[in-house]
């Protein structure tokens, strides 16, 4: 009996099962959150038509991407006709006139990036947490260090792929042209050029990750205590995920604004063939934003970001934890 209890305690979810749980969560999060951003972009497009070769920010709930307007195309999803009086009106008219699939316009290309990044991130976090807990007695700050390392790893792996995807979309490269572009880029600027944009992404995502995981673990324990539960329920994980995501989102918003500004500036510089010098460091861009718009300029878009980030974090973590709990039960049954 004692041996069985010890083996049950030591039984965990395998890395493959963690990957399957995070993959399911990533897909579900994208499916749930993308319609919010599609409607937002359509509302923006009716007031300010996107000209050719301009870009806008597109979010699938997991990652932000620069999306580039198709050259000469008037049938793109963000250019479809329609007058909307508000968010709810846009939802109803898009579904009625264009079909429900239109709410997920532009999703497949971004899923190619978002799902692998999320799988790497969540699996690494759990593996690092387990490793640190086995080595350290005080586990209070493990979520911070595990979150930092997991996000650094995910950003480092995905950054070159994101650069390639952006180039293909912005300039309509064929695969042969893309291969030549990468070879030329490597010969001119070296391997490090594939990670351009890495630093502003890290400055936003790493602090977000550290705060998110720390607050999530603290809130989860507190909610379990308040509801007199030994193990967190789906609702507890959902609530803790939404709250911790909101806190981290507000704290890291200035870096998010800088990242978006830097991506857009780099794109405009490359396509305009201008000779003017652009601010390149995070600090320079921050100073420019504050000089033009004041401190409030660093927190522009707070409400739209919270509307996307809070549900995305809640859906992702609750689905992920539910998946892990499901696999743990299956493992226990197999052991019996």
C-alpha atoms as a PDB file:
ATOM      1  CA  UNK A   1       0.000   0.000   0.000  1.00  0.00           C
ATOM      2  CA  UNK A   2       2.807   2.399   0.951  1.00  0.00           C
ATOM      3  CA  UNK A   3       4.719   1.607  -2.295  1.00  0.00           C
ATOM      4  CA  UNK A   4       1.608   2.343  -4.316  1.00  0.00           C
ATOM      5  CA  UNK A   5       1.138   5.743  -2.619  1.00  0.00           C
ATOM      6  CA  UNK A   6       4.791   6.689  -3.268  1.00  0.00           C
ATOM      7  CA  UNK A   7       4.615   5.698  -6.939  1.00  0.00           C
ATOM      8  CA  UNK A   8       1.339   7.642  -7.340  1.00  0.00           C
ATOM      9  CA  UNK A   9       2.928  10.783  -5.883  1.00  0.00           C
ATOM     10  CA  UNK A  10       5.951  10.439  -8.203  1.00  0.00           C
ATOM     11  CA  UNK A  11       3.791   9.826 -11.261  1.00  0.00           C
ATOM     12  CA  UNK A  12       3.763  12.847 -13.561  1.00  0.00           C
ATOM     13  CA  UNK A  13       2.643  13.915 -17.001  1.00  0.00           C
ATOM     14  CA  UNK A  14       5.213  13.144 -19.719  1.00  0.00           C
ATOM     15  CA  UNK A  15       6.743  15.904 -21.898  1.00  0.00           C
ATOM     16  CA  UNK A  16       4.841  14.529 -24.921  1.00  0.00           C
ATOM     17  CA  UNK A  17       1.571  14.772 -22.996  1.00  0.00           C
ATOM     18  CA  UNK A  18       2.460  18.329 -21.954  1.00  0.00           C
ATOM     19  CA  UNK A  19       3.080  19.171 -25.609  1.00  0.00           C
ATOM     20  CA  UNK A  20      -0.290  17.694 -26.606  1.00  0.00           C
ATOM     21  CA  UNK A  21      -2.068  19.649 -23.841  1.00  0.00           C
ATOM     22  CA  UNK A  22      -0.358  22.935 -24.810  1.00  0.00           C
ATOM     23  CA  UNK A  23      -1.029  22.347 -28.523  1.00  0.00           C
ATOM     24  CA  UNK A  24      -4.737  21.820 -27.802  1.00  0.00           C
ATOM     25  CA  UNK A  25      -4.793  24.955 -25.644  1.00  0.00           C
ATOM     26  CA  UNK A  26      -3.012  27.000 -28.324  1.00  0.00           C
ATOM     27  CA  UNK A  27      -5.449  26.003 -31.065  1.00  0.00           C
ATOM     28  CA  UNK A  28      -8.495  26.570 -28.841  1.00  0.00           C
ATOM     29  CA  UNK A  29      -7.194  29.971 -27.695  1.00  0.00           C
ATOM     30  CA  UNK A  30      -6.609  31.061 -31.291  1.00  0.00           C
ATOM     31  CA  UNK A  31     -10.081  29.937 -32.346  1.00  0.00           C
ATOM     32  CA  UNK A  32     -11.710  31.800 -29.445  1.00  0.00           C
ATOM     33  CA  UNK A  33      -9.743  35.072 -29.537  1.00  0.00           C
ATOM     34  CA  UNK A  34      -9.065  35.653 -33.260  1.00  0.00           C
ATOM     35  CA  UNK A  35     -12.663  36.809 -34.043  1.00  0.00           C
ATOM     36  CA  UNK A  36     -12.192  39.718 -31.605  1.00  0.00           C
ATOM     37  CA  UNK A  37      -9.193  40.976 -33.569  1.00  0.00           C
ATOM     38  CA  UNK A  38     -10.771  40.337 -36.981  1.00  0.00           C
ATOM     39  CA  UNK A  39     -13.760  42.484 -35.987  1.00  0.00           C
ATOM     40  CA  UNK A  40     -11.436  45.188 -34.599  1.00  0.00           C
ATOM     41  CA  UNK A  41      -9.447  45.299 -37.861  1.00  0.00           C
ATOM     42  CA  UNK A  42     -12.606  45.406 -39.982  1.00  0.00           C
ATOM     43  CA  UNK A  43     -13.954  48.307 -37.915  1.00  0.00           C
ATOM     44  CA  UNK A  44     -10.652  50.165 -38.348  1.00  0.00           C
ATOM     45  CA  UNK A  45     -10.572  49.451 -42.096  1.00  0.00           C
ATOM     46  CA  UNK A  46     -13.977  51.010 -42.749  1.00  0.00           C
ATOM     47  CA  UNK A  47     -12.823  54.322 -41.264  1.00  0.00           C
ATOM     48  CA  UNK A  48      -9.240  54.288 -42.568  1.00  0.00           C
ATOM     49  CA  UNK A  49      -8.749  52.145 -45.655  1.00  0.00           C
ATOM     50  CA  UNK A  50      -5.442  50.268 -45.572  1.00  0.00           C
ATOM     51  CA  UNK A  51      -3.379  51.435 -48.580  1.00  0.00           C
ATOM     52  CA  UNK A  52      -1.170  49.083 -50.558  1.00  0.00           C
ATOM     53  CA  UNK A  53       2.018  47.899 -48.837  1.00  0.00           C
ATOM     54  CA  UNK A  54       0.940  49.227 -45.424  1.00  0.00           C
ATOM     55  CA  UNK A  55       0.788  47.053 -42.361  1.00  0.00           C
ATOM     56  CA  UNK A  56      -1.376  46.535 -39.310  1.00  0.00           C
ATOM     57  CA  UNK A  57      -1.061  44.476 -36.147  1.00  0.00           C
ATOM     58  CA  UNK A  58      -2.915  41.159 -36.109  1.00  0.00           C
ATOM     59  CA  UNK A  59      -3.324  38.977 -33.012  1.00  0.00           C
ATOM     60  CA  UNK A  60      -4.534  35.385 -32.707  1.00  0.00           C
ATOM     61  CA  UNK A  61      -4.568  35.473 -28.922  1.00  0.00           C
ATOM     62  CA  UNK A  62      -1.104  33.977 -28.547  1.00  0.00           C
ATOM     63  CA  UNK A  63       1.204  36.133 -30.641  1.00  0.00           C
ATOM     64  CA  UNK A  64       1.135  39.528 -32.368  1.00  0.00           C
ATOM     65  CA  UNK A  65       2.067  39.676 -36.036  1.00  0.00           C
ATOM     66  CA  UNK A  66       2.502  42.464 -38.551  1.00  0.00           C
ATOM     67  CA  UNK A  67       0.081  41.793 -41.394  1.00  0.00           C
ATOM     68  CA  UNK A  68       0.790  43.398 -44.770  1.00  0.00           C
ATOM     69  CA  UNK A  69      -1.830  44.632 -47.202  1.00  0.00           C
ATOM     70  CA  UNK A  70      -1.868  42.715 -50.484  1.00  0.00           C
ATOM     71  CA  UNK A  71      -0.598  44.710 -53.419  1.00  0.00           C
ATOM     72  CA  UNK A  72      -3.382  45.391 -55.888  1.00  0.00           C
ATOM     73  CA  UNK A  73      -5.817  42.990 -54.192  1.00  0.00           C
ATOM     74  CA  UNK A  74      -9.319  44.281 -53.450  1.00  0.00           C
ATOM     75  CA  UNK A  75     -10.685  40.935 -52.263  1.00  0.00           C
ATOM     76  CA  UNK A  76      -8.559  40.593 -49.138  1.00  0.00           C
ATOM     77  CA  UNK A  77     -10.559  39.829 -45.984  1.00  0.00           C
ATOM     78  CA  UNK A  78      -9.747  43.183 -44.370  1.00  0.00           C
ATOM     79  CA  UNK A  79     -10.946  45.088 -47.488  1.00  0.00           C
ATOM     80  CA  UNK A  80     -14.355  43.456 -47.847  1.00  0.00           C
ATOM     81  CA  UNK A  81     -17.227  45.985 -48.015  1.00  0.00           C
ATOM     82  CA  UNK A  82     -19.564  46.567 -45.110  1.00  0.00           C
ATOM     83  CA  UNK A  83     -20.643  49.348 -42.778  1.00  0.00           C
ATOM     84  CA  UNK A  84     -20.659  48.504 -39.080  1.00  0.00           C
ATOM     85  CA  UNK A  85     -22.005  50.636 -36.263  1.00  0.00           C
ATOM     86  CA  UNK A  86     -20.130  48.784 -33.535  1.00  0.00           C
ATOM     87  CA  UNK A  87     -18.534  45.532 -32.393  1.00  0.00           C
ATOM     88  CA  UNK A  88     -21.750  43.511 -32.003  1.00  0.00           C
ATOM     89  CA  UNK A  89     -23.146  44.858 -35.288  1.00  0.00           C
ATOM     90  CA  UNK A  90     -19.890  43.866 -37.025  1.00  0.00           C
ATOM     91  CA  UNK A  91     -20.059  40.321 -35.610  1.00  0.00           C
ATOM     92  CA  UNK A  92     -23.654  39.828 -36.757  1.00  0.00           C
ATOM     93  CA  UNK A  93     -23.202  41.343 -40.244  1.00  0.00           C
ATOM     94  CA  UNK A  94     -19.953  39.470 -40.968  1.00  0.00           C
ATOM     95  CA  UNK A  95     -21.554  36.146 -40.014  1.00  0.00           C
ATOM     96  CA  UNK A  96     -24.780  36.880 -41.929  1.00  0.00           C
ATOM     97  CA  UNK A  97     -23.240  38.300 -45.115  1.00  0.00           C
ATOM     98  CA  UNK A  98     -19.900  36.480 -45.372  1.00  0.00           C
ATOM     99  CA  UNK A  99     -20.353  33.307 -43.350  1.00  0.00           C
ATOM    100  CA  UNK A 100     -19.039  32.384 -39.928  1.00  0.00           C
ATOM    101  CA  UNK A 101     -15.628  31.360 -41.359  1.00  0.00           C
ATOM    102  CA  UNK A 102     -14.851  35.029 -42.027  1.00  0.00           C
ATOM    103  CA  UNK A 103     -14.403  35.571 -38.287  1.00  0.00           C
ATOM    104  CA  UNK A 104     -11.192  33.524 -38.532  1.00  0.00           C
ATOM    105  CA  UNK A 105      -9.751  35.321 -41.568  1.00  0.00           C
ATOM    106  CA  UNK A 106      -5.957  35.365 -41.687  1.00  0.00           C
ATOM    107  CA  UNK A 107      -5.605  32.779 -38.931  1.00  0.00           C
ATOM    108  CA  UNK A 108      -3.809  29.843 -40.677  1.00  0.00           C
ATOM    109  CA  UNK A 109      -0.532  31.704 -41.467  1.00  0.00           C
ATOM    110  CA  UNK A 110      -0.181  32.941 -37.884  1.00  0.00           C
ATOM    111  CA  UNK A 111      -1.042  29.555 -36.375  1.00  0.00           C
ATOM    112  CA  UNK A 112       2.057  28.170 -38.074  1.00  0.00           C
ATOM    113  CA  UNK A 113       4.099  30.389 -35.764  1.00  0.00           C
ATOM    114  CA  UNK A 114       1.902  30.562 -32.675  1.00  0.00           C
ATOM    115  CA  UNK A 115       1.327  26.854 -32.015  1.00  0.00           C
ATOM    116  CA  UNK A 116       5.028  25.774 -32.059  1.00  0.00           C
ATOM    117  CA  UNK A 117       6.000  28.814 -29.941  1.00  0.00           C
ATOM    118  CA  UNK A 118       3.318  28.024 -27.353  1.00  0.00           C
ATOM    119  CA  UNK A 119       4.172  24.306 -27.238  1.00  0.00           C
ATOM    120  CA  UNK A 120       7.871  25.112 -26.651  1.00  0.00           C
ATOM    121  CA  UNK A 121       7.033  27.744 -24.042  1.00  0.00           C
ATOM    122  CA  UNK A 122       4.588  25.779 -21.871  1.00  0.00           C
ATOM    123  CA  UNK A 123       6.458  22.475 -22.066  1.00  0.00           C
ATOM    124  CA  UNK A 124       9.776  24.157 -21.186  1.00  0.00           C
ATOM    125  CA  UNK A 125       8.146  25.967 -18.277  1.00  0.00           C
ATOM    126  CA  UNK A 126       6.799  22.757 -16.739  1.00  0.00           C
ATOM    127  CA  UNK A 127      10.032  20.847 -17.310  1.00  0.00           C
ATOM    128  CA  UNK A 128      12.133  23.647 -15.792  1.00  0.00           C
ATOM    129  CA  UNK A 129       9.747  23.984 -12.830  1.00  0.00           C
ATOM    130  CA  UNK A 130       9.936  20.262 -12.097  1.00  0.00           C
ATOM    131  CA  UNK A 131      13.731  20.281 -12.355  1.00  0.00           C
ATOM    132  CA  UNK A 132      14.111  23.320 -10.059  1.00  0.00           C
ATOM    133  CA  UNK A 133      11.680  21.915  -7.481  1.00  0.00           C
ATOM    134  CA  UNK A 134      13.764  18.743  -7.286  1.00  0.00           C
ATOM    135  CA  UNK A 135      16.931  20.789  -6.631  1.00  0.00           C
ATOM    136  CA  UNK A 136      15.727  23.718  -4.499  1.00  0.00           C
ATOM    137  CA  UNK A 137      14.077  23.739  -1.103  1.00  0.00           C
ATOM    138  CA  UNK A 138      12.446  27.177  -1.412  1.00  0.00           C
ATOM    139  CA  UNK A 139      10.127  27.006  -4.413  1.00  0.00           C
ATOM    140  CA  UNK A 140       8.474  30.441  -3.989  1.00  0.00           C
ATOM    141  CA  UNK A 141      10.409  32.088  -6.818  1.00  0.00           C
ATOM    142  CA  UNK A 142      10.694  29.094  -9.150  1.00  0.00           C
ATOM    143  CA  UNK A 143       7.792  30.317 -11.379  1.00  0.00           C
ATOM    144  CA  UNK A 144       9.744  33.542 -12.042  1.00  0.00           C
ATOM    145  CA  UNK A 145      12.989  31.852 -13.119  1.00  0.00           C
ATOM    146  CA  UNK A 146      11.243  29.050 -15.024  1.00  0.00           C
ATOM    147  CA  UNK A 147       9.033  31.611 -16.793  1.00  0.00           C
ATOM    148  CA  UNK A 148      12.028  33.745 -17.797  1.00  0.00           C
ATOM    149  CA  UNK A 149      14.059  30.822 -19.171  1.00  0.00           C
ATOM    150  CA  UNK A 150      11.078  29.246 -20.971  1.00  0.00           C
ATOM    151  CA  UNK A 151      10.163  32.505 -22.697  1.00  0.00           C
ATOM    152  CA  UNK A 152      13.780  33.233 -23.647  1.00  0.00           C
ATOM    153  CA  UNK A 153      13.987  29.800 -25.261  1.00  0.00           C
ATOM    154  CA  UNK A 154      10.707  30.164 -27.155  1.00  0.00           C
ATOM    155  CA  UNK A 155      11.514  33.684 -28.437  1.00  0.00           C
ATOM    156  CA  UNK A 156      15.020  32.649 -29.517  1.00  0.00           C
ATOM    157  CA  UNK A 157      13.744  29.642 -31.485  1.00  0.00           C
ATOM    158  CA  UNK A 158      10.830  31.459 -33.115  1.00  0.00           C
ATOM    159  CA  UNK A 159      12.452  34.854 -33.937  1.00  0.00           C
ATOM    160  CA  UNK A 160      14.218  33.755 -37.164  1.00  0.00           C
ATOM    161  CA  UNK A 161      11.047  31.988 -38.358  1.00  0.00           C
ATOM    162  CA  UNK A 162       8.968  35.085 -37.617  1.00  0.00           C
ATOM    163  CA  UNK A 163      11.416  37.258 -39.584  1.00  0.00           C
ATOM    164  CA  UNK A 164      11.206  34.885 -42.560  1.00  0.00           C
ATOM    165  CA  UNK A 165       7.381  34.762 -42.393  1.00  0.00           C
ATOM    166  CA  UNK A 166       7.202  38.565 -42.243  1.00  0.00           C
ATOM    167  CA  UNK A 167       9.522  38.946 -45.239  1.00  0.00           C
ATOM    168  CA  UNK A 168       7.510  36.478 -47.310  1.00  0.00           C
ATOM    169  CA  UNK A 169       4.313  38.353 -46.548  1.00  0.00           C
ATOM    170  CA  UNK A 170       5.635  41.904 -46.887  1.00  0.00           C
ATOM    171  CA  UNK A 171       7.360  41.457 -50.220  1.00  0.00           C
ATOM    172  CA  UNK A 172       5.593  38.408 -51.650  1.00  0.00           C
ATOM    173  CA  UNK A 173       8.827  36.436 -51.969  1.00  0.00           C
ATOM    174  CA  UNK A 174       8.861  33.050 -53.647  1.00  0.00           C
ATOM    175  CA  UNK A 175      10.753  30.317 -51.790  1.00  0.00           C
ATOM    176  CA  UNK A 176      13.684  30.678 -54.223  1.00  0.00           C
ATOM    177  CA  UNK A 177      13.817  34.453 -53.679  1.00  0.00           C
ATOM    178  CA  UNK A 178      13.543  33.899 -49.928  1.00  0.00           C
ATOM    179  CA  UNK A 179      16.493  31.496 -50.025  1.00  0.00           C
ATOM    180  CA  UNK A 180      18.571  34.084 -51.903  1.00  0.00           C
ATOM    181  CA  UNK A 181      17.489  36.809 -49.452  1.00  0.00           C
ATOM    182  CA  UNK A 182      18.575  34.717 -46.435  1.00  0.00           C
ATOM    183  CA  UNK A 183      21.937  33.844 -48.037  1.00  0.00           C
ATOM    184  CA  UNK A 184      22.590  37.505 -48.856  1.00  0.00           C
ATOM    185  CA  UNK A 185      21.525  38.558 -45.359  1.00  0.00           C
ATOM    186  CA  UNK A 186      23.856  36.015 -43.750  1.00  0.00           C
ATOM    187  CA  UNK A 187      26.807  36.990 -45.937  1.00  0.00           C
ATOM    188  CA  UNK A 188      26.304  40.724 -45.286  1.00  0.00           C
ATOM    189  CA  UNK A 189      25.276  40.847 -41.621  1.00  0.00           C
ATOM    190  CA  UNK A 190      26.015  37.365 -40.264  1.00  0.00           C
ATOM    191  CA  UNK A 191      23.792  34.906 -38.405  1.00  0.00           C
ATOM    192  CA  UNK A 192      22.862  37.485 -35.778  1.00  0.00           C
ATOM    193  CA  UNK A 193      20.761  39.345 -38.380  1.00  0.00           C
ATOM    194  CA  UNK A 194      18.150  36.554 -38.250  1.00  0.00           C
ATOM    195  CA  UNK A 195      17.364  37.621 -34.684  1.00  0.00           C
ATOM    196  CA  UNK A 196      16.668  41.280 -35.473  1.00  0.00           C
ATOM    197  CA  UNK A 197      13.738  42.366 -33.342  1.00  0.00           C
ATOM    198  CA  UNK A 198      14.673  39.794 -30.680  1.00  0.00           C
ATOM    199  CA  UNK A 199      15.553  42.381 -28.012  1.00  0.00           C
ATOM    200  CA  UNK A 200      12.257  44.362 -27.995  1.00  0.00           C
ATOM    201  CA  UNK A 201      10.344  41.074 -28.006  1.00  0.00           C
ATOM    202  CA  UNK A 202      12.367  39.801 -25.051  1.00  0.00           C
ATOM    203  CA  UNK A 203      11.946  43.098 -23.169  1.00  0.00           C
ATOM    204  CA  UNK A 204       8.190  42.698 -23.435  1.00  0.00           C
ATOM    205  CA  UNK A 205       7.718  38.926 -23.211  1.00  0.00           C
ATOM    206  CA  UNK A 206      10.263  37.978 -20.522  1.00  0.00           C
ATOM    207  CA  UNK A 207       8.969  40.370 -17.809  1.00  0.00           C
ATOM    208  CA  UNK A 208       5.418  39.415 -18.826  1.00  0.00           C
ATOM    209  CA  UNK A 209       6.259  35.727 -18.437  1.00  0.00           C
ATOM    210  CA  UNK A 210       7.936  36.187 -15.048  1.00  0.00           C
ATOM    211  CA  UNK A 211       5.042  38.209 -13.631  1.00  0.00           C
ATOM    212  CA  UNK A 212       2.395  36.007 -15.235  1.00  0.00           C
ATOM    213  CA  UNK A 213       3.641  32.687 -13.827  1.00  0.00           C
ATOM    214  CA  UNK A 214       4.434  34.067 -10.377  1.00  0.00           C
ATOM    215  CA  UNK A 215       1.033  35.723 -10.029  1.00  0.00           C
ATOM    216  CA  UNK A 216      -0.718  32.689 -11.511  1.00  0.00           C
ATOM    217  CA  UNK A 217       0.781  30.308  -8.945  1.00  0.00           C
ATOM    218  CA  UNK A 218       0.064  32.716  -6.057  1.00  0.00           C
ATOM    219  CA  UNK A 219      -3.518  33.417  -7.171  1.00  0.00           C
ATOM    220  CA  UNK A 220      -4.175  29.728  -7.827  1.00  0.00           C
ATOM    221  CA  UNK A 221      -3.148  28.783  -4.282  1.00  0.00           C
ATOM    222  CA  UNK A 222      -5.143  31.676  -2.816  1.00  0.00           C
ATOM    223  CA  UNK A 223      -8.286  30.777  -4.781  1.00  0.00           C
ATOM    224  CA  UNK A 224      -7.948  27.121  -3.756  1.00  0.00           C
ATOM    225  CA  UNK A 225      -7.704  28.228  -0.126  1.00  0.00           C
ATOM    226  CA  UNK A 226     -10.711  30.550  -0.429  1.00  0.00           C
ATOM    227  CA  UNK A 227     -12.884  27.876  -2.072  1.00  0.00           C
ATOM    228  CA  UNK A 228     -11.594  25.122   0.233  1.00  0.00           C
ATOM    229  CA  UNK A 229     -10.243  22.987  -2.641  1.00  0.00           C
ATOM    230  CA  UNK A 230      -7.172  20.775  -2.462  1.00  0.00           C
ATOM    231  CA  UNK A 231      -6.636  20.883  -6.227  1.00  0.00           C
ATOM    232  CA  UNK A 232      -7.429  23.793  -8.577  1.00  0.00           C
ATOM    233  CA  UNK A 233     -10.590  23.421 -10.654  1.00  0.00           C
ATOM    234  CA  UNK A 234     -11.052  24.588 -14.251  1.00  0.00           C
ATOM    235  CA  UNK A 235     -12.754  27.761 -12.946  1.00  0.00           C
ATOM    236  CA  UNK A 236      -9.884  28.495 -10.541  1.00  0.00           C
ATOM    237  CA  UNK A 237      -7.271  28.111 -13.303  1.00  0.00           C
ATOM    238  CA  UNK A 238      -9.396  30.250 -15.637  1.00  0.00           C
ATOM    239  CA  UNK A 239      -9.777  33.064 -13.075  1.00  0.00           C
ATOM    240  CA  UNK A 240      -6.132  32.972 -11.990  1.00  0.00           C
ATOM    241  CA  UNK A 241      -5.028  33.010 -15.643  1.00  0.00           C
ATOM    242  CA  UNK A 242      -7.205  36.014 -16.517  1.00  0.00           C
ATOM    243  CA  UNK A 243      -6.090  38.038 -13.469  1.00  0.00           C
ATOM    244  CA  UNK A 244      -2.378  37.252 -13.777  1.00  0.00           C
ATOM    245  CA  UNK A 245      -2.475  37.933 -17.525  1.00  0.00           C
ATOM    246  CA  UNK A 246      -4.135  41.312 -16.922  1.00  0.00           C
ATOM    247  CA  UNK A 247      -1.577  42.351 -14.272  1.00  0.00           C
ATOM    248  CA  UNK A 248       1.383  41.364 -16.466  1.00  0.00           C
ATOM    249  CA  UNK A 249      -0.205  43.009 -19.508  1.00  0.00           C
ATOM    250  CA  UNK A 250      -0.576  46.399 -17.822  1.00  0.00           C
ATOM    251  CA  UNK A 251       2.974  46.291 -16.424  1.00  0.00           C
ATOM    252  CA  UNK A 252       4.609  45.428 -19.772  1.00  0.00           C
ATOM    253  CA  UNK A 253       2.446  47.592 -22.053  1.00  0.00           C
ATOM    254  CA  UNK A 254       5.194  50.241 -22.641  1.00  0.00           C
ATOM    255  CA  UNK A 255       7.474  47.525 -24.081  1.00  0.00           C
ATOM    256  CA  UNK A 256       4.600  46.287 -26.244  1.00  0.00           C
ATOM    257  CA  UNK A 257       4.104  49.791 -27.637  1.00  0.00           C
ATOM    258  CA  UNK A 258       7.842  50.078 -28.355  1.00  0.00           C
ATOM    259  CA  UNK A 259       7.951  46.662 -30.047  1.00  0.00           C
ATOM    260  CA  UNK A 260       5.063  47.553 -32.366  1.00  0.00           C
ATOM    261  CA  UNK A 261       6.594  50.958 -33.137  1.00  0.00           C
ATOM    262  CA  UNK A 262       9.985  49.415 -33.933  1.00  0.00           C
ATOM    263  CA  UNK A 263       8.530  46.731 -36.219  1.00  0.00           C
ATOM    264  CA  UNK A 264       6.464  49.295 -38.124  1.00  0.00           C
ATOM    265  CA  UNK A 265       9.356  51.769 -38.432  1.00  0.00           C
ATOM    266  CA  UNK A 266      11.719  49.109 -39.780  1.00  0.00           C
ATOM    267  CA  UNK A 267       9.157  48.070 -42.362  1.00  0.00           C
ATOM    268  CA  UNK A 268       8.491  51.657 -43.493  1.00  0.00           C
ATOM    269  CA  UNK A 269      12.231  52.360 -43.709  1.00  0.00           C
ATOM    270  CA  UNK A 270      12.851  49.298 -45.897  1.00  0.00           C
ATOM    271  CA  UNK A 271       9.951  49.969 -48.252  1.00  0.00           C
ATOM    272  CA  UNK A 272      10.313  53.766 -48.571  1.00  0.00           C
ATOM    273  CA  UNK A 273      14.033  53.647 -49.415  1.00  0.00           C
ATOM    274  CA  UNK A 274      14.463  56.701 -47.264  1.00  0.00           C
ATOM    275  CA  UNK A 275      17.805  57.986 -46.053  1.00  0.00           C
ATOM    276  CA  UNK A 276      16.507  59.388 -42.755  1.00  0.00           C
ATOM    277  CA  UNK A 277      17.876  57.839 -39.583  1.00  0.00           C
ATOM    278  CA  UNK A 278      15.368  56.106 -37.328  1.00  0.00           C
ATOM    279  CA  UNK A 279      15.730  55.574 -33.570  1.00  0.00           C
ATOM    280  CA  UNK A 280      16.691  51.941 -33.133  1.00  0.00           C
ATOM    281  CA  UNK A 281      17.162  51.335 -29.427  1.00  0.00           C
ATOM    282  CA  UNK A 282      14.245  50.671 -27.098  1.00  0.00           C
ATOM    283  CA  UNK A 283      15.242  53.620 -24.915  1.00  0.00           C
ATOM    284  CA  UNK A 284      15.408  56.035 -27.903  1.00  0.00           C
ATOM    285  CA  UNK A 285      11.957  54.965 -29.123  1.00  0.00           C
ATOM    286  CA  UNK A 286      10.543  55.379 -25.602  1.00  0.00           C
ATOM    287  CA  UNK A 287      11.990  58.913 -25.365  1.00  0.00           C
ATOM    288  CA  UNK A 288      10.516  59.783 -28.783  1.00  0.00           C
ATOM    289  CA  UNK A 289       7.054  58.500 -27.782  1.00  0.00           C
ATOM    290  CA  UNK A 290       7.145  60.426 -24.451  1.00  0.00           C
ATOM    291  CA  UNK A 291       8.325  63.586 -26.235  1.00  0.00           C
ATOM    292  CA  UNK A 292       5.435  63.416 -28.732  1.00  0.00           C
ATOM    293  CA  UNK A 293       2.592  62.045 -26.584  1.00  0.00           C
ATOM    294  CA  UNK A 294       3.706  62.196 -22.967  1.00  0.00           C
ATOM    295  CA  UNK A 295       3.888  59.258 -20.546  1.00  0.00           C
ATOM    296  CA  UNK A 296       0.362  58.232 -21.571  1.00  0.00           C
ATOM    297  CA  UNK A 297       1.755  57.446 -25.036  1.00  0.00           C
ATOM    298  CA  UNK A 298       3.511  54.410 -23.557  1.00  0.00           C
ATOM    299  CA  UNK A 299       0.153  53.042 -22.379  1.00  0.00           C
ATOM    300  CA  UNK A 300      -1.846  53.608 -25.536  1.00  0.00           C
ATOM    301  CA  UNK A 301      -4.150  50.713 -26.425  1.00  0.00           C
ATOM    302  CA  UNK A 302      -4.434  49.452 -22.835  1.00  0.00           C
ATOM    303  CA  UNK A 303      -8.126  48.490 -22.974  1.00  0.00           C
ATOM    304  CA  UNK A 304      -7.938  46.662 -26.356  1.00  0.00           C
ATOM    305  CA  UNK A 305      -4.852  44.790 -25.110  1.00  0.00           C
ATOM    306  CA  UNK A 306      -6.592  43.741 -21.896  1.00  0.00           C
ATOM    307  CA  UNK A 307      -9.682  42.623 -23.831  1.00  0.00           C
ATOM    308  CA  UNK A 308      -7.482  40.250 -25.844  1.00  0.00           C
ATOM    309  CA  UNK A 309      -4.849  39.209 -23.317  1.00  0.00           C
ATOM    310  CA  UNK A 310      -7.101  38.415 -20.331  1.00  0.00           C
ATOM    311  CA  UNK A 311      -9.346  35.872 -22.124  1.00  0.00           C
ATOM    312  CA  UNK A 312      -6.399  34.478 -24.100  1.00  0.00           C
ATOM    313  CA  UNK A 313      -4.393  33.790 -20.919  1.00  0.00           C
ATOM    314  CA  UNK A 314      -7.466  32.390 -19.157  1.00  0.00           C
ATOM    315  CA  UNK A 315      -8.416  30.014 -22.000  1.00  0.00           C
ATOM    316  CA  UNK A 316      -4.847  28.890 -22.629  1.00  0.00           C
ATOM    317  CA  UNK A 317      -3.859  28.056 -19.053  1.00  0.00           C
ATOM    318  CA  UNK A 318      -7.186  26.492 -18.044  1.00  0.00           C
ATOM    319  CA  UNK A 319      -7.209  24.283 -21.147  1.00  0.00           C
ATOM    320  CA  UNK A 320      -3.565  23.359 -20.612  1.00  0.00           C
ATOM    321  CA  UNK A 321      -4.087  22.443 -16.942  1.00  0.00           C
ATOM    322  CA  UNK A 322      -7.258  20.508 -17.836  1.00  0.00           C
ATOM    323  CA  UNK A 323      -5.305  18.556 -20.463  1.00  0.00           C
ATOM    324  CA  UNK A 324      -2.530  17.739 -17.993  1.00  0.00           C
ATOM    325  CA  UNK A 325      -5.084  16.595 -15.390  1.00  0.00           C
ATOM    326  CA  UNK A 326      -6.723  14.365 -18.007  1.00  0.00           C
ATOM    327  CA  UNK A 327      -3.408  12.735 -18.943  1.00  0.00           C
ATOM    328  CA  UNK A 328      -2.477  12.307 -15.264  1.00  0.00           C
ATOM    329  CA  UNK A 329      -5.710  10.385 -14.671  1.00  0.00           C
ATOM    330  CA  UNK A 330      -4.953   8.194 -17.683  1.00  0.00           C
ATOM    331  CA  UNK A 331      -1.468   7.499 -16.329  1.00  0.00           C
ATOM    332  CA  UNK A 332      -2.892   6.562 -12.930  1.00  0.00           C
ATOM    333  CA  UNK A 333      -5.367   4.163 -14.544  1.00  0.00           C
ATOM    334  CA  UNK A 334      -2.569   2.496 -16.508  1.00  0.00           C
ATOM    335  CA  UNK A 335      -0.558   2.049 -13.323  1.00  0.00           C
ATOM    336  CA  UNK A 336      -3.462   0.321 -11.597  1.00  0.00           C
END
